Amino acid sequence: MEANEESIKNKEEMKSLLLLLQATYEERDEARDQL
């Protein structure tokens, strides 16, 4: 049971990191377009 919860928590953290990464790339692309 605990291992499963740990796995779920890791997936949530991965999802958050990916969203953050995506947002960073989008902001960078927008900034590049403005140059």
PDB file of N, CA and C in Angstrom:
ATOM      1  N   MET A   1       0.831  -1.197   0.000  1.00  0.00           N
ATOM      2  CA  MET A   1       0.000   0.000   0.000  1.00  0.00           C
ATOM      3  C   MET A   1       0.870   1.253   0.000  1.00  0.00           C
ATOM      4  N   GLU A   2       1.858   1.279   0.880  1.00  0.00           N
ATOM      5  CA  GLU A   2       2.706   2.466   0.973  1.00  0.00           C
ATOM      6  C   GLU A   2       3.479   2.701  -0.324  1.00  0.00           C
ATOM      7  N   ALA A   3       3.956   1.617  -0.921  1.00  0.00           N
ATOM      8  CA  ALA A   3       4.707   1.746  -2.162  1.00  0.00           C
ATOM      9  C   ALA A   3       3.819   2.357  -3.245  1.00  0.00           C
ATOM     10  N   ASN A   4       2.549   1.972  -3.253  1.00  0.00           N
ATOM     11  CA  ASN A   4       1.619   2.502  -4.239  1.00  0.00           C
ATOM     12  C   ASN A   4       1.420   3.998  -4.045  1.00  0.00           C
ATOM     13  N   GLU A   5       1.253   4.417  -2.804  1.00  0.00           N
ATOM     14  CA  GLU A   5       1.082   5.841  -2.517  1.00  0.00           C
ATOM     15  C   GLU A   5       2.326   6.617  -2.933  1.00  0.00           C
ATOM     16  N   GLU A   6       3.466   6.035  -2.683  1.00  0.00           N
ATOM     17  CA  GLU A   6       4.743   6.655  -3.056  1.00  0.00           C
ATOM     18  C   GLU A   6       4.778   6.835  -4.570  1.00  0.00           C
ATOM     19  N   SER A   7       4.347   5.810  -5.290  1.00  0.00           N
ATOM     20  CA  SER A   7       4.341   5.855  -6.754  1.00  0.00           C
ATOM     21  C   SER A   7       3.412   6.951  -7.257  1.00  0.00           C
ATOM     22  N   ILE A   8       2.248   7.046  -6.644  1.00  0.00           N
ATOM     23  CA  ILE A   8       1.283   8.074  -7.047  1.00  0.00           C
ATOM     24  C   ILE A   8       1.862   9.461  -6.794  1.00  0.00           C
ATOM     25  N   LYS A   9       2.503   9.619  -5.644  1.00  0.00           N
ATOM     26  CA  LYS A   9       3.089  10.916  -5.302  1.00  0.00           C
ATOM     27  C   LYS A   9       4.169  11.289  -6.317  1.00  0.00           C
ATOM     28  N   ASN A  10       4.981  10.305  -6.695  1.00  0.00           N
ATOM     29  CA  ASN A  10       6.040  10.568  -7.671  1.00  0.00           C
ATOM     30  C   ASN A  10       5.451  10.984  -9.009  1.00  0.00           C
ATOM     31  N   LYS A  11       4.352  10.326  -9.414  1.00  0.00           N
ATOM     32  CA  LYS A  11       3.715  10.677 -10.685  1.00  0.00           C
ATOM     33  C   LYS A  11       3.195  12.104 -10.642  1.00  0.00           C
ATOM     34  N   GLU A  12       2.609  12.479  -9.513  1.00  0.00           N
ATOM     35  CA  GLU A  12       2.088  13.845  -9.372  1.00  0.00           C
ATOM     36  C   GLU A  12       3.228  14.850  -9.476  1.00  0.00           C
ATOM     37  N   GLU A  13       4.347  14.547  -8.834  1.00  0.00           N
ATOM     38  CA  GLU A  13       5.492  15.456  -8.874  1.00  0.00           C
ATOM     39  C   GLU A  13       6.037  15.563 -10.293  1.00  0.00           C
ATOM     40  N   MET A  14       6.093  14.436 -10.988  1.00  0.00           N
ATOM     41  CA  MET A  14       6.562  14.441 -12.371  1.00  0.00           C
ATOM     42  C   MET A  14       5.651  15.306 -13.235  1.00  0.00           C
ATOM     43  N   LYS A  15       4.333  15.163 -13.010  1.00  0.00           N
ATOM     44  CA  LYS A  15       3.370  15.939 -13.784  1.00  0.00           C
ATOM     45  C   LYS A  15       3.589  17.429 -13.559  1.00  0.00           C
ATOM     46  N   SER A  16       3.808  17.799 -12.304  1.00  0.00           N
ATOM     47  CA  SER A  16       4.033  19.207 -11.965  1.00  0.00           C
ATOM     48  C   SER A  16       5.299  19.719 -12.635  1.00  0.00           C
ATOM     49  N   LEU A  17       6.343  18.903 -12.607  1.00  0.00           N
ATOM     50  CA  LEU A  17       7.604  19.313 -13.223  1.00  0.00           C
ATOM     51  C   LEU A  17       7.437  19.495 -14.722  1.00  0.00           C
ATOM     52  N   LEU A  18       6.717  18.578 -15.354  1.00  0.00           N
ATOM     53  CA  LEU A  18       6.510  18.680 -16.796  1.00  0.00           C
ATOM     54  C   LEU A  18       5.717  19.931 -17.143  1.00  0.00           C
ATOM     55  N   LEU A  19       4.689  20.232 -16.351  1.00  0.00           N
ATOM     56  CA  LEU A  19       3.901  21.438 -16.589  1.00  0.00           C
ATOM     57  C   LEU A  19       4.772  22.676 -16.446  1.00  0.00           C
ATOM     58  N   LEU A  20       5.616  22.669 -15.440  1.00  0.00           N
ATOM     59  CA  LEU A  20       6.511  23.797 -15.201  1.00  0.00           C
ATOM     60  C   LEU A  20       7.461  23.969 -16.384  1.00  0.00           C
ATOM     61  N   LEU A  21       8.005  22.857 -16.850  1.00  0.00           N
ATOM     62  CA  LEU A  21       8.929  22.872 -17.976  1.00  0.00           C
ATOM     63  C   LEU A  21       8.233  23.414 -19.220  1.00  0.00           C
ATOM     64  N   GLN A  22       7.013  22.948 -19.450  1.00  0.00           N
ATOM     65  CA  GLN A  22       6.246  23.386 -20.604  1.00  0.00           C
ATOM     66  C   GLN A  22       6.008  24.890 -20.548  1.00  0.00           C
ATOM     67  N   ALA A  23       5.634  25.392 -19.380  1.00  0.00           N
ATOM     68  CA  ALA A  23       5.385  26.823 -19.207  1.00  0.00           C
ATOM     69  C   ALA A  23       6.663  27.611 -19.469  1.00  0.00           C
ATOM     70  N   THR A  24       7.784  27.080 -19.009  1.00  0.00           N
ATOM     71  CA  THR A  24       9.063  27.765 -19.218  1.00  0.00           C
ATOM     72  C   THR A  24       9.384  27.858 -20.699  1.00  0.00           C
ATOM     73  N   TYR A  25       9.178  26.761 -21.431  1.00  0.00           N
ATOM     74  CA  TYR A  25       9.447  26.771 -22.862  1.00  0.00           C
ATOM     75  C   TYR A  25       8.535  27.751 -23.582  1.00  0.00           C
ATOM     76  N   GLU A  26       7.255  27.780 -23.211  1.00  0.00           N
ATOM     77  CA  GLU A  26       6.311  28.680 -23.862  1.00  0.00           C
ATOM     78  C   GLU A  26       6.708  30.129 -23.641  1.00  0.00           C
ATOM     79  N   GLU A  27       7.101  30.451 -22.407  1.00  0.00           N
ATOM     80  CA  GLU A  27       7.526  31.821 -22.110  1.00  0.00           C
ATOM     81  C   GLU A  27       8.761  32.179 -22.913  1.00  0.00           C
ATOM     82  N   ARG A  28       9.683  31.232 -23.029  1.00  0.00           N
ATOM     83  CA  ARG A  28      10.912  31.485 -23.780  1.00  0.00           C
ATOM     84  C   ARG A  28      10.590  31.723 -25.257  1.00  0.00           C
ATOM     85  N   ASP A  29       9.688  30.915 -25.802  1.00  0.00           N
ATOM     86  CA  ASP A  29       9.310  31.073 -27.202  1.00  0.00           C
ATOM     87  C   ASP A  29       8.645  32.421 -27.435  1.00  0.00           C
ATOM     88  N   GLU A  30       7.784  32.827 -26.506  1.00  0.00           N
ATOM     89  CA  GLU A  30       7.114  34.118 -26.642  1.00  0.00           C
ATOM     90  C   GLU A  30       8.136  35.242 -26.602  1.00  0.00           C
ATOM     91  N   ALA A  31       9.080  35.149 -25.692  1.00  0.00           N
ATOM     92  CA  ALA A  31      10.116  36.175 -25.576  1.00  0.00           C
ATOM     93  C   ALA A  31      10.944  36.223 -26.856  1.00  0.00           C
ATOM     94  N   ARG A  32      11.216  35.071 -27.439  1.00  0.00           N
ATOM     95  CA  ARG A  32      12.006  35.014 -28.666  1.00  0.00           C
ATOM     96  C   ARG A  32      11.229  35.651 -29.819  1.00  0.00           C
ATOM     97  N   ASP A  33       9.914  35.441 -29.847  1.00  0.00           N
ATOM     98  CA  ASP A  33       9.091  36.020 -30.907  1.00  0.00           C
ATOM     99  C   ASP A  33       9.074  37.538 -30.829  1.00  0.00           C
ATOM    100  N   GLN A  34       9.238  38.078 -29.629  1.00  0.00           N
ATOM    101  CA  GLN A  34       9.158  39.521 -29.448  1.00  0.00           C
ATOM    102  C   GLN A  34      10.442  40.226 -29.883  1.00  0.00           C
ATOM    103  N   LEU A  35      11.516  39.485 -30.041  1.00  0.00           N
ATOM    104  CA  LEU A  35      12.790  40.108 -30.416  1.00  0.00           C
ATOM    105  C   LEU A  35      12.723  40.648 -31.835  1.00  0.00           C
TER     106      LEU A  35
END
